Amino acid sequence: MRLQFDPESDESYQENRTRISSAVMRTNVAIERHVSKVYTRKMFEQFGENLFEGGSYHVEEIEKKKKNIARHNDALKREKWSKVEYEVTISDEAGWFESECGQFAHMGMLCCHALKVINHVGVPEIPKRHILKRWTKDARDILPQHIAHFQKDQAANQSFTCRSSTLYLHAMELLRIGDSSISVYELVFGRIKDLIVEVSPLAEKTMV
């Protein structure tokens, strides 16, 4: 329980911080304003560092709207072992930016080189394919397959009945109460198992 409590309390802290505090802009460019509405506060700060670091690079277009080189402004002063230029390729009509540094593939966050190219070509928002849900404000809204249609990002494509909405809300409340203590958990879990056994035969029949 202690192992589970520590990360959960940290997640709760970050959620409260995201909800209460406002994002502090460092560059106030369009892409930063967009990300401030999408990412959690912690990941927005990480994004801001990458965006700020991108200011140390300039872009040279190799192939129009397809291939660019992000080169460090102080390339001649850098150590010989330090890489000073990165190739960034653009595909799917500016829907995908891939830097040879591989940061996005490694951690799911765009690197400073890709962000510099994104600003250079004038894309005002992070492409959807580059926004991983685990870094967004809705990161906890990831549900098992059998109830995945309740997720926020899938709600627009679903038609919910009043019964589904009511059951879902009460189930979430029961979850909150059941997690309050071990004794309450055992009581709630036992009743849920009994209820499943009782209603499963009814669910097999066509109900109106």
Protein backbone atom coordinates (compact mmCIF):
# COMPACT_ATOMS: atom_id res chain seq x y z
CA MET A 1 0.00 0.00 0.00
CA ARG A 2 2.92 2.32 0.75
CA LEU A 3 4.43 1.65 -2.67
CA GLN A 4 1.11 2.57 -4.26
CA PHE A 5 0.46 5.57 -2.03
CA ASP A 6 3.69 7.46 -2.85
CA PRO A 7 3.20 7.73 -6.65
CA GLU A 8 -0.54 8.34 -6.27
CA SER A 9 0.00 11.23 -3.86
CA ASP A 10 2.54 12.73 -6.27
CA GLU A 11 0.05 12.38 -9.14
CA SER A 12 -2.64 14.04 -7.02
CA TYR A 13 -0.27 16.91 -6.26
CA GLN A 14 0.48 17.41 -9.95
CA GLU A 15 -3.24 17.28 -10.80
CA ASN A 16 -4.06 19.94 -8.21
CA ARG A 17 -1.15 22.05 -9.43
CA THR A 18 -2.41 21.78 -13.01
CA ARG A 19 -5.94 22.70 -11.99
CA ILE A 20 -5.09 25.59 -9.63
CA SER A 21 -1.99 27.32 -11.01
CA SER A 22 -1.83 29.01 -14.39
CA ALA A 23 0.78 28.27 -17.01
CA VAL A 24 3.74 30.68 -17.14
CA MET A 25 4.67 31.51 -20.72
CA ARG A 26 8.36 31.83 -21.56
CA THR A 27 8.09 32.73 -25.25
CA ASN A 28 4.35 33.42 -25.77
CA VAL A 29 4.37 31.91 -29.26
CA ALA A 30 1.23 30.26 -30.65
CA ILE A 31 2.46 26.71 -30.13
CA GLU A 32 3.26 27.40 -26.47
CA ARG A 33 -0.20 28.83 -25.86
CA HIS A 34 -1.72 25.72 -27.42
CA VAL A 35 0.33 23.31 -25.30
CA SER A 36 -0.54 25.22 -22.10
CA LYS A 37 -4.15 24.12 -22.63
CA VAL A 38 -3.27 20.48 -23.29
CA TYR A 39 -0.36 19.32 -21.14
CA THR A 40 -0.20 18.96 -17.37
CA ARG A 41 1.71 21.71 -15.60
CA LYS A 42 4.82 19.52 -15.14
CA MET A 43 4.97 18.48 -18.79
CA PHE A 44 4.23 22.03 -19.93
CA GLU A 45 7.32 23.16 -18.01
CA GLN A 46 9.37 20.42 -19.69
CA PHE A 47 7.99 21.50 -23.06
CA GLY A 48 8.90 25.12 -22.25
CA GLU A 49 12.50 24.13 -21.58
CA ASN A 50 12.70 22.38 -24.95
CA LEU A 51 11.10 25.34 -26.70
CA PHE A 52 13.53 27.76 -25.02
CA GLU A 53 16.51 25.58 -25.92
CA GLY A 54 15.34 25.62 -29.52
CA GLY A 55 16.22 29.31 -29.59
CA SER A 56 19.89 28.26 -29.74
CA TYR A 57 19.35 26.80 -33.21
CA HIS A 58 18.66 28.18 -36.65
CA VAL A 59 16.97 26.30 -39.48
CA GLU A 60 18.29 25.62 -42.94
CA GLU A 61 15.79 24.24 -45.42
CA ILE A 62 17.25 21.36 -47.44
CA GLU A 63 14.10 20.17 -49.21
CA LYS A 64 11.04 22.40 -49.23
CA LYS A 65 8.43 21.30 -46.67
CA LYS A 66 10.17 17.95 -46.27
CA LYS A 67 13.68 18.19 -44.87
CA ASN A 68 15.41 20.75 -42.65
CA ILE A 69 18.63 21.05 -40.69
CA ALA A 70 18.57 22.58 -37.20
CA ARG A 71 22.09 23.91 -36.60
CA HIS A 72 23.39 25.34 -33.33
CA ASN A 73 24.14 29.06 -33.45
CA ASP A 74 27.50 28.57 -31.71
CA ALA A 75 28.52 25.48 -33.67
CA LEU A 76 32.15 26.59 -34.00
CA LYS A 77 32.51 27.13 -30.25
CA ARG A 78 31.04 23.78 -29.22
CA GLU A 79 33.20 20.86 -28.17
CA LYS A 80 34.30 18.55 -30.98
CA TRP A 81 32.36 15.66 -29.50
CA SER A 82 29.15 17.73 -29.31
CA LYS A 83 26.69 17.25 -32.16
CA VAL A 84 25.74 20.66 -33.53
CA GLU A 85 23.22 19.88 -36.28
CA TYR A 86 20.19 17.62 -36.52
CA GLU A 87 18.12 16.64 -39.51
CA VAL A 88 14.36 17.09 -39.07
CA THR A 89 12.05 15.53 -41.63
CA ILE A 90 8.44 16.57 -42.20
CA SER A 91 5.80 14.19 -43.50
CA ASP A 92 2.03 13.85 -43.85
CA GLU A 93 1.62 17.52 -44.77
CA ALA A 94 3.19 18.92 -41.59
CA GLY A 95 1.45 16.33 -39.45
CA TRP A 96 4.64 14.58 -38.37
CA PHE A 97 8.07 15.97 -37.44
CA GLU A 98 10.92 13.55 -36.85
CA SER A 99 14.33 14.59 -35.55
CA GLU A 100 17.31 12.31 -35.82
CA CYS A 101 17.99 12.82 -32.10
CA GLY A 102 15.10 10.43 -31.44
CA GLN A 103 13.73 12.16 -28.34
CA PHE A 104 10.08 11.78 -29.31
CA ALA A 105 10.46 8.04 -29.88
CA HIS A 106 12.25 7.77 -26.53
CA MET A 107 9.93 9.76 -24.26
CA GLY A 108 7.01 11.05 -26.33
CA MET A 109 8.01 14.73 -26.08
CA LEU A 110 9.11 16.81 -29.07
CA CYS A 111 12.76 17.89 -28.90
CA CYS A 112 14.10 21.42 -29.27
CA HIS A 113 15.21 20.73 -32.86
CA ALA A 114 11.75 19.64 -34.01
CA LEU A 115 10.13 22.55 -32.16
CA LYS A 116 12.48 25.00 -33.86
CA VAL A 117 11.47 23.62 -37.26
CA ILE A 118 7.77 23.68 -36.32
CA ASN A 119 8.06 27.37 -35.49
CA HIS A 120 10.09 27.99 -38.62
CA VAL A 121 7.44 26.53 -40.94
CA GLY A 122 4.67 28.36 -39.06
CA VAL A 123 2.66 25.48 -37.57
CA PRO A 124 0.59 27.08 -34.74
CA GLU A 125 -0.23 23.90 -32.80
CA ILE A 126 1.42 20.62 -31.87
CA PRO A 127 0.24 18.03 -34.44
CA LYS A 128 -2.21 15.59 -32.89
CA ARG A 129 0.05 12.63 -33.56
CA HIS A 130 2.70 14.22 -31.35
CA ILE A 131 0.39 14.62 -28.34
CA LEU A 132 0.53 11.51 -26.18
CA LYS A 133 -2.37 11.19 -23.80
CA ARG A 134 -0.15 10.23 -20.88
CA TRP A 135 1.25 13.80 -20.78
CA THR A 136 -2.12 15.57 -21.04
CA LYS A 137 -4.59 16.83 -18.45
CA ASP A 138 -6.85 13.88 -19.32
CA ALA A 139 -4.12 11.29 -18.71
CA ARG A 140 -6.10 9.50 -15.99
CA ASP A 141 -9.09 9.12 -18.30
CA ILE A 142 -7.84 5.79 -19.66
CA LEU A 143 -10.35 3.02 -19.06
CA PRO A 144 -10.46 -0.74 -19.70
CA GLN A 145 -11.66 -1.88 -23.11
CA HIS A 146 -15.16 -2.84 -22.00
CA ILE A 147 -15.87 0.72 -20.78
CA ALA A 148 -13.48 2.63 -23.06
CA HIS A 149 -16.42 4.39 -24.70
CA PHE A 150 -16.73 6.50 -21.55
CA GLN A 151 -13.37 8.18 -22.17
CA LYS A 152 -13.48 11.88 -22.89
CA ASP A 153 -11.66 11.58 -26.19
CA GLN A 154 -14.18 9.03 -27.46
CA ALA A 155 -17.35 10.57 -26.09
CA ALA A 156 -18.03 12.58 -29.27
CA ASN A 157 -18.45 9.39 -31.27
CA GLN A 158 -20.77 7.66 -28.80
CA SER A 159 -24.42 7.92 -27.92
CA PHE A 160 -24.99 7.27 -24.21
CA THR A 161 -28.29 6.33 -22.68
CA CYS A 162 -29.49 7.86 -19.44
CA ARG A 163 -29.01 4.46 -17.79
CA SER A 164 -25.35 4.28 -18.82
CA SER A 165 -24.59 7.76 -17.53
CA THR A 166 -26.37 7.17 -14.23
CA LEU A 167 -24.69 3.79 -13.63
CA TYR A 168 -21.28 5.21 -14.49
CA LEU A 169 -21.57 8.13 -12.06
CA HIS A 170 -22.73 5.88 -9.22
CA ALA A 171 -20.01 3.34 -9.95
CA MET A 172 -17.35 6.06 -9.71
CA GLU A 173 -18.80 7.20 -6.39
CA LEU A 174 -18.76 3.62 -5.13
CA LEU A 175 -15.13 3.36 -6.20
CA ARG A 176 -14.24 6.47 -4.23
CA ILE A 177 -15.99 5.23 -1.09
CA GLY A 178 -14.64 1.68 -1.39
CA ASP A 179 -11.05 2.92 -1.48
CA SER A 180 -11.40 4.83 1.81
CA SER A 181 -10.31 1.95 4.08
CA ILE A 182 -9.61 -1.79 4.07
CA SER A 183 -12.84 -2.67 5.86
CA VAL A 184 -14.96 -0.57 3.49
CA TYR A 185 -13.09 -2.05 0.52
CA GLU A 186 -13.83 -5.61 1.65
CA LEU A 187 -17.52 -4.80 2.16
CA VAL A 188 -17.92 -3.05 -1.19
CA PHE A 189 -15.94 -5.67 -3.10
CA GLY A 190 -17.98 -8.49 -1.57
CA ARG A 191 -21.27 -6.82 -2.45
CA ILE A 192 -20.08 -6.13 -6.00
CA LYS A 193 -19.17 -9.80 -6.52
CA ASP A 194 -22.56 -10.90 -5.21
CA LEU A 195 -24.32 -8.39 -7.45
CA ILE A 196 -22.41 -9.56 -10.53
CA VAL A 197 -23.45 -13.15 -9.84
CA GLU A 198 -27.06 -12.05 -9.39
CA VAL A 199 -27.43 -9.86 -12.48
CA SER A 200 -25.25 -11.78 -14.97
CA PRO A 201 -28.07 -14.20 -15.96
CA LEU A 202 -30.38 -11.23 -16.53
CA ALA A 203 -27.84 -9.49 -18.74
CA GLU A 204 -27.86 -12.44 -21.10
CA LYS A 205 -31.49 -11.71 -21.91
CA THR A 206 -32.62 -8.91 -24.18
CA MET A 207 -33.62 -5.99 -21.95
CA VAL A 208 -35.48 -2.82 -22.89
